[in-house]
Protein backbone atom coordinates (compact mmCIF):
# COMPACT_ATOMS: atom_id res chain seq x y z
CA MET A 1 0.00 0.00 0.00
CA ALA A 2 1.48 3.35 -1.10
CA LYS A 3 1.89 6.26 1.30
CA ILE A 4 1.83 10.00 0.65
CA THR A 5 3.49 12.40 3.12
CA PHE A 6 2.83 16.10 2.68
CA LEU A 7 6.00 18.07 3.44
CA GLY A 8 4.87 21.48 2.20
CA GLY A 9 2.35 23.45 0.19
CA CYS A 10 -0.31 22.55 2.75
CA ARG A 11 -2.85 25.33 3.23
CA GLU A 12 -0.17 27.67 1.92
CA VAL A 13 1.51 28.67 -1.32
CA GLY A 14 5.17 27.88 -0.90
CA ARG A 15 7.67 25.05 -0.25
CA SER A 16 5.72 22.52 -2.30
CA ALA A 17 7.05 19.04 -1.49
CA ILE A 18 5.30 15.66 -1.53
CA LEU A 19 6.88 12.33 -0.59
CA VAL A 20 5.49 9.14 -2.14
CA GLU A 21 6.58 5.82 -0.59
CA SER A 22 6.12 2.23 -1.73
CA LYS A 23 5.41 -0.76 0.52
CA ASN A 24 9.11 -1.65 0.16
CA GLY A 25 10.12 1.73 1.59
CA ASP A 26 11.37 3.16 -1.72
CA LYS A 27 10.60 6.88 -2.01
CA CYS A 28 10.14 9.59 -4.61
CA LEU A 29 9.88 13.33 -3.98
CA LEU A 30 7.55 15.45 -6.07
CA ASP A 31 8.95 19.02 -6.02
CA TYR A 32 11.07 20.47 -3.23
CA GLY A 33 10.55 24.21 -2.93
CA ILE A 34 10.92 27.05 -0.47
CA ARG A 35 8.70 29.79 0.90
CA PHE A 36 9.71 33.39 1.60
CA SER A 37 7.21 34.47 4.23
CA ASP A 38 8.65 32.87 7.39
CA GLU A 39 11.96 31.89 8.90
CA ASP A 40 11.06 28.21 8.45
CA ARG A 41 11.52 28.25 4.68
CA LEU A 42 12.30 24.65 3.78
CA PRO A 43 9.87 21.69 3.58
CA TYR A 44 8.93 19.69 6.66
CA GLU A 45 11.74 17.39 7.75
CA ALA A 46 11.21 13.69 7.05
CA SER A 47 13.34 10.60 6.66
CA LEU A 48 14.69 10.43 3.12
CA ARG A 49 16.30 7.03 3.49
CA LYS A 50 15.76 4.97 0.33
CA LEU A 51 14.92 8.12 -1.64
CA LYS A 52 15.28 6.97 -5.23
CA ALA A 53 14.47 10.13 -7.20
CA VAL A 54 13.04 13.64 -7.29
CA ALA A 55 10.58 14.65 -10.01
CA LEU A 56 10.07 18.37 -10.66
CA THR A 57 6.93 19.95 -12.09
CA HIS A 58 8.42 23.33 -13.06
CA CYS A 59 11.04 25.96 -12.32
CA HIS A 60 9.32 28.35 -9.91
CA ILE A 61 11.24 28.69 -6.65
CA ASP A 62 8.30 27.61 -4.48
CA HIS A 63 8.59 24.22 -6.21
CA SER A 64 12.34 23.98 -6.85
CA GLY A 65 14.24 26.29 -4.51
CA ALA A 66 15.19 23.74 -1.83
CA LEU A 67 16.48 21.07 -4.25
CA PRO A 68 20.17 21.75 -3.44
CA PHE A 69 19.53 20.86 0.21
CA LEU A 70 18.91 17.24 -0.83
CA TYR A 71 22.46 17.01 -2.20
CA ASN A 72 24.11 17.73 1.14
CA LYS A 73 23.88 14.01 1.85
CA LYS A 74 22.67 12.37 -1.38
CA LYS A 75 25.34 13.24 -3.92
CA ASN A 76 23.96 11.05 -6.73
CA LEU A 77 20.20 11.53 -6.35
CA PRO A 78 18.50 11.53 -9.79
CA LEU A 79 16.42 14.61 -10.59
CA TYR A 80 13.88 14.13 -13.39
CA THR A 81 13.02 17.32 -15.25
CA ASN A 82 13.55 18.85 -18.71
CA GLY A 83 16.08 21.16 -20.33
CA VAL A 84 14.24 24.48 -20.14
CA THR A 85 13.26 23.92 -16.50
CA LEU A 86 16.78 22.97 -15.45
CA GLU A 87 18.44 25.93 -17.14
CA ILE A 88 16.06 28.36 -15.43
CA ILE A 89 16.19 26.83 -11.94
CA GLU A 90 19.98 26.93 -12.02
CA ARG A 91 19.85 30.69 -12.63
CA LEU A 92 17.01 31.37 -10.18
CA ILE A 93 18.59 29.46 -7.30
CA ILE A 94 22.04 30.99 -7.87
CA ASP A 95 20.48 34.47 -7.88
CA MET A 96 18.54 33.62 -4.72
CA LEU A 97 21.72 32.59 -2.91
CA LYS A 98 23.59 35.69 -4.08
CA ILE A 99 21.05 38.27 -2.98
CA SER A 100 19.27 36.64 -0.04
CA LYS A 101 20.11 37.47 3.56
CA TYR A 102 18.55 34.20 4.70
CA PRO A 103 21.10 31.51 5.75
CA TYR A 104 20.08 28.71 3.40
CA PRO A 105 21.67 25.37 4.42
CA PHE A 106 23.25 24.82 1.01
CA SER A 107 25.63 26.57 -1.36
CA LEU A 108 26.60 26.85 -5.01
CA LYS A 109 28.37 23.50 -4.69
CA GLU A 110 25.03 21.77 -4.17
CA VAL A 111 23.49 23.70 -7.08
CA VAL A 112 26.16 22.14 -9.29
CA GLN A 113 25.17 18.72 -7.92
CA VAL A 114 21.56 19.39 -8.89
CA VAL A 115 22.60 20.10 -12.47
CA ASN A 116 25.01 17.16 -12.68
CA ASN A 117 22.39 14.67 -11.48
CA SER A 118 19.55 15.82 -13.74
CA TYR A 119 17.90 13.53 -16.27
CA PHE A 120 15.56 14.83 -18.96
CA LEU A 121 12.26 13.00 -19.25
CA LYS A 122 10.05 13.53 -22.29
CA LYS A 123 6.30 13.85 -21.84
CA SER A 124 4.22 10.64 -21.92
CA ILE A 125 7.34 8.47 -21.47
CA ARG A 126 7.08 6.06 -18.50
CA ARG A 127 10.26 5.99 -16.39
CA LYS A 128 11.09 3.30 -13.83
CA ILE A 129 12.75 4.65 -10.65
CA ALA A 130 12.51 1.54 -8.41
CA HIS A 131 10.73 -1.82 -8.20
CA ASP A 132 7.06 -1.32 -9.17
CA PHE A 133 7.64 2.45 -9.09
CA TYR A 134 7.27 4.65 -12.22
CA ILE A 135 6.78 8.30 -13.15
CA THR A 136 5.33 9.87 -16.31
CA PHE A 137 5.19 13.56 -17.29
CA TYR A 138 2.19 15.28 -18.93
CA ASP A 139 1.83 18.87 -20.14
CA ALA A 140 0.55 21.16 -17.36
CA GLY A 141 -0.05 24.31 -19.44
CA HIS A 142 1.35 26.59 -16.71
CA ILE A 143 4.63 27.90 -18.15
CA PRO A 144 7.14 26.52 -20.68
CA GLY A 145 8.47 23.20 -19.38
CA SER A 146 5.76 22.71 -16.75
CA VAL A 147 4.43 19.19 -16.23
CA SER A 148 1.96 17.22 -14.18
CA ILE A 149 3.27 13.88 -12.89
CA VAL A 150 1.61 10.47 -12.75
CA VAL A 151 3.28 8.24 -10.16
CA GLU A 152 2.65 4.50 -10.43
CA VAL A 153 3.52 2.69 -7.21
CA ASP A 154 2.42 -0.72 -5.89
CA GLY A 155 -0.18 -0.93 -8.64
CA LYS A 156 -1.74 2.47 -7.78
CA LYS A 157 -1.68 5.59 -9.94
CA ILE A 158 -1.39 9.02 -8.28
CA LEU A 159 -1.63 12.24 -10.32
CA TYR A 160 0.16 15.31 -8.99
CA SER A 161 -1.11 18.28 -10.99
CA GLY A 162 1.57 20.74 -9.94
CA ASP A 163 0.64 24.24 -11.08
CA PHE A 164 -1.52 23.90 -14.17
CA ASN A 165 -3.75 25.87 -16.50
CA ASN A 166 -6.51 24.48 -18.71
CA ASN A 167 -7.31 27.88 -20.20
CA ASN A 168 -5.63 29.06 -23.39
CA THR A 169 -2.63 31.39 -23.27
CA ASN A 170 -0.34 32.61 -26.03
CA LEU A 171 2.88 31.11 -24.69
CA VAL A 172 2.00 27.45 -24.02
CA ASN A 173 -0.68 24.87 -24.77
CA SER A 174 -3.26 24.29 -22.06
CA ALA A 175 -3.40 21.17 -19.90
CA ASN A 176 -5.54 18.35 -21.28
CA PRO A 177 -6.87 15.99 -18.59
CA SER A 178 -8.35 13.61 -21.17
CA ILE A 179 -4.88 12.24 -22.00
CA ILE A 180 -4.15 11.31 -18.37
CA PRO A 181 -4.62 7.55 -17.69
CA GLU A 182 -7.05 6.30 -15.07
CA ILE A 183 -5.89 7.24 -11.58
CA ASP A 184 -6.55 6.16 -8.00
CA ALA A 185 -5.79 9.51 -6.34
CA LEU A 186 -5.23 13.14 -7.24
CA ILE A 187 -3.07 15.83 -5.61
CA ILE A 188 -4.24 19.15 -7.04
CA GLU A 189 -3.38 22.81 -6.69
CA SER A 190 -6.07 25.09 -5.21
CA THR A 191 -4.59 28.55 -5.81
CA TYR A 192 -7.66 30.15 -7.39
CA SER A 193 -10.42 27.82 -6.20
CA LEU A 194 -12.33 30.84 -4.88
CA LYS A 195 -12.01 32.91 -8.03
CA ASP A 196 -13.09 32.84 -11.67
CA HIS A 197 -10.84 34.60 -14.17
CA PRO A 198 -12.40 37.13 -16.56
CA PRO A 199 -12.80 36.10 -20.24
CA ARG A 200 -9.25 35.96 -21.56
CA GLU A 201 -9.69 37.39 -25.05
CA GLN A 202 -11.77 40.30 -23.78
CA LEU A 203 -9.15 41.10 -21.13
CA GLU A 204 -6.28 40.94 -23.63
CA ARG A 205 -8.05 43.36 -25.97
CA GLN A 206 -8.76 45.78 -23.13
CA PHE A 207 -5.12 45.68 -21.99
CA VAL A 208 -3.79 46.54 -25.45
CA GLU A 209 -6.42 49.23 -26.03
CA ASP A 210 -5.45 50.85 -22.72
CA VAL A 211 -1.74 50.69 -23.58
CA ILE A 212 -2.33 52.28 -26.99
CA GLU A 213 -4.44 55.05 -25.47
CA ILE A 214 -1.72 55.99 -22.97
CA THR A 215 1.14 55.93 -25.48
CA GLN A 216 -0.76 57.82 -28.17
CA ASN A 217 -1.46 60.57 -25.63
CA GLY A 218 2.23 60.98 -24.87
CA GLY A 219 2.60 58.79 -21.79
CA ASN A 220 4.70 55.77 -20.90
CA VAL A 221 3.41 52.42 -19.68
CA LEU A 222 5.31 50.31 -17.17
CA VAL A 223 4.21 46.66 -17.11
CA PRO A 224 5.70 45.03 -13.99
CA ALA A 225 5.74 41.32 -14.82
CA PHE A 226 7.34 38.13 -13.58
CA GLY A 227 10.53 37.47 -15.52
CA VAL A 228 9.58 33.83 -16.10
CA ALA A 229 6.74 33.50 -18.64
CA ARG A 230 4.54 36.50 -17.73
CA SER A 231 6.81 39.11 -19.34
CA GLN A 232 6.93 37.07 -22.54
CA GLU A 233 3.15 36.50 -22.46
CA ALA A 234 2.53 40.25 -22.08
CA ILE A 235 4.67 41.02 -25.14
CA MET A 236 2.89 38.36 -27.19
CA ILE A 237 -0.47 39.89 -26.22
CA LEU A 238 0.71 43.33 -27.31
CA ASP A 239 1.78 41.93 -30.67
CA LYS A 240 -1.42 39.89 -31.07
CA TYR A 241 -3.64 42.97 -30.88
CA GLU A 242 -1.34 45.11 -33.00
CA TYR A 243 0.46 47.41 -30.62
CA ARG A 244 3.10 48.85 -32.96
CA GLY A 245 4.78 51.43 -30.74
CA LYS A 246 8.10 51.40 -28.91
CA LEU A 247 8.52 48.35 -26.67
CA PHE A 248 11.32 47.55 -24.22
CA LEU A 249 12.18 44.47 -22.16
CA ASP A 250 14.40 44.62 -19.07
CA GLY A 251 15.71 42.66 -16.09
CA LEU A 252 15.61 38.88 -15.70
CA ALA A 253 12.98 38.72 -18.47
CA LYS A 254 15.75 39.29 -21.03
CA LEU A 255 17.62 36.14 -20.01
CA ILE A 256 14.46 34.01 -19.80
CA THR A 257 13.42 35.19 -23.28
CA LYS A 258 16.74 33.98 -24.66
CA ILE A 259 16.44 30.64 -22.85
CA TYR A 260 13.00 30.06 -24.37
CA TYR A 261 14.49 30.62 -27.83
CA ASN A 262 16.66 27.57 -27.19
CA TYR A 263 13.71 25.30 -26.33
CA PRO A 264 11.15 25.86 -29.11
CA ASN A 265 9.33 22.60 -28.34
CA SER A 266 8.32 24.02 -24.94
CA LEU A 267 6.34 26.78 -26.68
CA LYS A 268 2.86 26.76 -28.18
CA ASN A 269 4.02 28.41 -31.40
CA LYS A 270 7.78 28.97 -31.73
CA ASN A 271 7.45 31.10 -34.87
CA TYR A 272 4.88 33.43 -33.31
CA TYR A 273 7.04 33.67 -30.17
CA ARG A 274 10.10 34.73 -32.17
CA LYS A 275 8.07 37.19 -34.24
CA ALA A 276 6.54 38.87 -31.19
CA LEU A 277 9.64 38.97 -28.97
CA LYS A 278 11.85 40.35 -31.72
CA LYS A 279 9.83 43.55 -31.56
CA ALA A 280 10.95 44.20 -27.99
CA LYS A 281 14.29 45.96 -27.51
CA PHE A 282 16.50 44.67 -24.70
CA VAL A 283 17.50 47.49 -22.35
CA GLY A 284 21.02 48.08 -21.05
CA GLN A 285 21.51 49.82 -17.70
CA GLU A 286 22.78 53.00 -19.34
CA LYS A 287 19.47 53.53 -21.18
CA GLN A 288 17.00 52.97 -18.33
CA THR A 289 16.74 56.62 -17.27
CA GLN A 290 16.51 57.86 -20.87
CA ILE A 291 13.57 55.58 -21.62
CA SER A 292 11.45 56.57 -18.60
CA GLN A 293 12.05 60.29 -19.22
CA LYS A 294 10.98 60.13 -22.86
CA SER A 295 7.42 59.48 -24.03
CA ASN A 296 5.34 56.88 -25.88
CA ASN A 297 7.25 53.89 -24.47
CA VAL A 298 6.09 50.55 -23.09
CA ILE A 299 8.49 48.89 -20.64
CA VAL A 300 7.94 45.27 -19.58
CA SER A 301 10.12 44.35 -16.62
CA PRO A 302 10.31 42.35 -13.37
CA SER A 303 9.54 42.24 -10.60
CA GLY A 304 5.88 41.43 -11.00
CA MET A 305 4.95 42.61 -7.48
CA LEU A 306 7.39 45.55 -7.51
CA LYS A 307 9.48 44.04 -4.70
CA GLY A 308 12.65 44.92 -6.59
CA GLY A 309 14.07 44.31 -10.03
CA ALA A 310 14.66 46.56 -13.01
CA ALA A 311 11.09 47.92 -12.92
CA LEU A 312 12.14 50.18 -10.03
CA LYS A 313 14.55 52.02 -12.32
CA TYR A 314 11.56 53.43 -14.20
CA ILE A 315 8.86 53.71 -11.59
CA LYS A 316 9.52 57.15 -10.10
CA ASP A 317 9.29 59.00 -13.42
CA ILE A 318 6.12 57.12 -14.34
CA LEU A 319 4.38 57.52 -10.96
CA ILE A 320 4.62 61.33 -11.06
CA ASN A 321 3.39 61.64 -14.66
CA PRO A 322 -0.44 61.91 -15.00
CA GLN A 323 -0.18 60.91 -18.67
CA SER A 324 1.57 57.62 -17.91
CA ALA A 325 0.38 54.30 -16.45
CA ILE A 326 1.43 51.23 -14.49
CA PHE A 327 -0.43 48.14 -15.69
CA MET A 328 0.06 45.05 -13.55
CA VAL A 329 -0.40 41.66 -15.16
CA GLY A 330 0.21 39.29 -12.25
CA TYR A 331 -1.22 38.48 -8.84
CA GLN A 332 -0.29 40.99 -6.13
CA VAL A 333 0.25 39.30 -2.76
CA GLU A 334 -1.05 41.08 0.33
CA GLY A 335 1.64 43.29 1.83
CA THR A 336 3.75 43.70 -1.31
CA PRO A 337 4.55 47.14 -2.79
CA GLY A 338 2.51 46.24 -5.88
CA ARG A 339 -0.57 45.41 -3.83
CA ASN A 340 -0.26 48.63 -1.84
CA LEU A 341 0.01 50.63 -5.06
CA LEU A 342 -3.04 48.89 -6.49
CA ASP A 343 -5.17 49.31 -3.35
CA ASN A 344 -4.02 52.71 -2.08
CA ARG A 345 -2.33 54.39 -5.05
CA VAL A 346 0.83 54.83 -3.00
CA PHE A 347 4.17 53.22 -3.81
CA LYS A 348 6.37 52.52 -0.80
CA PHE A 349 9.71 50.78 -1.11
CA GLN A 350 12.87 50.88 0.96
CA GLU A 351 16.01 48.91 0.25
CA SER A 352 19.70 49.53 0.68
CA ASP A 353 21.59 46.42 -0.30
CA GLU A 354 25.18 46.15 -1.50
CA LYS A 355 24.56 42.68 -3.01
CA ARG A 356 21.72 44.05 -5.14
CA ASN A 357 23.50 47.36 -5.72
CA THR A 358 20.35 49.21 -4.64
CA ASP A 359 19.57 52.25 -2.54
CA TYR A 360 15.85 53.04 -2.57
CA ASP A 361 13.72 55.09 -0.18
CA LEU A 362 10.48 55.71 -2.07
CA ASN A 363 7.12 56.90 -0.78
CA ILE A 364 5.23 58.33 -3.74
CA GLU A 365 1.52 58.99 -4.27
CA ALA A 366 0.65 57.90 -7.80
CA GLN A 367 -0.35 60.58 -10.28
CA CYS A 368 -0.41 58.08 -13.13
CA LYS A 369 -3.10 55.59 -14.07
CA ILE A 370 -3.01 52.24 -12.22
CA ASN A 371 -4.74 49.08 -13.42
CA HIS A 372 -4.58 45.30 -13.04
CA TYR A 373 -5.17 42.62 -15.69
CA ASP A 374 -5.63 39.06 -14.48
CA PHE A 375 -3.44 37.16 -16.97
CA SER A 376 -3.14 34.18 -14.68
CA SER A 377 -1.31 30.98 -15.60
CA HIS A 378 -3.29 28.97 -13.04
CA ALA A 379 -6.69 27.31 -13.43
CA ASP A 380 -9.52 29.22 -11.75
CA GLY A 381 -12.43 27.75 -9.80
CA ILE A 382 -14.33 26.71 -12.92
CA GLY A 383 -11.14 25.34 -14.48
CA LEU A 384 -10.26 23.27 -11.42
CA HIS A 385 -13.64 21.54 -11.36
CA SER A 386 -13.63 21.03 -15.13
CA TYR A 387 -10.18 19.45 -14.97
CA ILE A 388 -11.19 17.11 -12.15
CA ASP A 389 -14.46 16.11 -13.80
CA ASN A 390 -12.59 15.16 -16.98
CA LEU A 391 -10.22 12.81 -15.17
CA HIS A 392 -10.99 9.11 -14.87
CA PHE A 393 -10.76 7.41 -11.48
CA ASN A 394 -10.48 3.63 -11.59
CA ASN A 395 -12.12 2.99 -8.25
CA HIS A 396 -14.93 4.45 -6.18
CA SER A 397 -12.75 6.23 -3.62
CA LYS A 398 -11.99 9.25 -5.83
CA GLN A 399 -9.38 10.46 -3.33
CA ILE A 400 -8.36 14.08 -3.86
CA PHE A 401 -5.84 16.11 -1.85
CA CYS A 402 -6.09 19.90 -2.19
CA VAL A 403 -2.76 21.73 -1.83
CA HIS A 404 -0.99 24.90 -3.03
CA GLY A 405 -3.50 27.46 -1.80
CA ASP A 406 -4.17 29.34 1.40
CA ASN A 407 -6.29 27.81 4.16
CA GLU A 408 -9.55 29.17 2.75
CA ALA A 409 -8.82 28.13 -0.86
CA THR A 410 -7.74 24.56 -0.06
CA THR A 411 -10.50 23.81 2.45
CA HIS A 412 -13.16 25.38 0.21
CA LEU A 413 -12.13 23.22 -2.75
CA ALA A 414 -12.04 20.07 -0.60
CA SER A 415 -15.49 20.82 0.81
CA LYS A 416 -16.95 21.53 -2.62
CA LEU A 417 -15.53 18.27 -4.00
CA ASN A 418 -16.93 16.29 -1.08
CA SER A 419 -20.38 17.64 -1.90
CA ASN A 420 -19.85 16.35 -5.46
CA ASP A 421 -19.22 12.73 -4.38
CA TYR A 422 -15.42 12.92 -4.23
CA HIS A 423 -13.46 12.04 -1.11
CA SER A 424 -11.34 15.11 -0.57
CA VAL A 425 -9.21 16.69 2.13
CA ALA A 426 -6.93 19.71 2.51
CA PRO A 427 -3.95 18.01 4.20
CA GLU A 428 -1.86 19.70 6.85
CA ILE A 429 1.91 19.65 6.87
CA GLY A 430 3.43 16.36 8.00
CA GLU A 431 0.25 14.34 7.51
CA VAL A 432 0.49 10.87 5.98
CA TYR A 433 -2.19 9.17 3.87
CA LYS A 434 -2.38 5.64 2.49
CA ILE A 435 -3.61 4.91 -1.01
């Protein structure tokens, strides 16, 4: 009888980590991430004796950031992933170690071990990791390289959705639950179980219309966006609805854009991607001030929640200009500078950090236009239920574990599923379940 131990991502978004164990004691980890909100940043501690492999759903730090910790003791642990995901996590984790003040219990040496022990697994290819223990990747539709994982252990099939999206985007194909084989249990994200996203096409058109209006009237538009996937998606949307003005890309988004060029099979349409991204000019540090002080420009740059990044090089000039705008295209977590700007029209940010080469002390009331466009790469409430209802369970238990959401989101989804004849729970950290 297989066991699932939840080591993170329980009634929280962060440090996703799930341990699957066979009756023989062989183990496989699904993701191993960190969280930023508390001092206790790594997954729950558990015995990793007889750990045979780690399988990674995607590159985001809340799913991948703690991977180097595993290589303190297990120097030859296989990590199953793909090329685009590995290249990005290497950069993200190295950057995290360089700029963070938190004393992570690993170093660059362990990051090298992660890279050296990585094996690339193609989608829909079944991989044996131990006796009667297999993993298979399926497209998750979240970002380039993202996968959902089917674990076969002791004759049972467990699907771990990871972060997924079954709505169409411009960058990647959406997740298709109909290609997943029959399963015995499901571990599913709950991030937006309480929310329904607005109609995508309508929102994209509105975003581009608003951008064109600002730039044609002499203003600049700053689009704070996550460097991984969201910046590229925003530029593709601008191209799709025929924004033909000046367009600049800055920060980490420049590197990620180049990485995506090298992995065309991870994209929905490689030719459209190249066409759209070629229209964006990459910004060097010497030109940042010039761009924000001139007019009719669109700047797409991290960080998505305005917690740092190249976007801050532009923000002062844009905030004080009534003709300009800041258009946010990602979720704004409570307490972040982006959320405060959205809710209160005030931008507050302080940071003096030699590692980051920053010295900011900003407290500015916005004179510019502020708006938010929900270009999410996660399934919403309707999408979650549609995905689940299109899966096939090969027994009557229909066990579902709701993770990767706050307490309200995970428990709400579990309760709703129970009322629909599923057997669902929002596990707490450290809990163990048998399948």
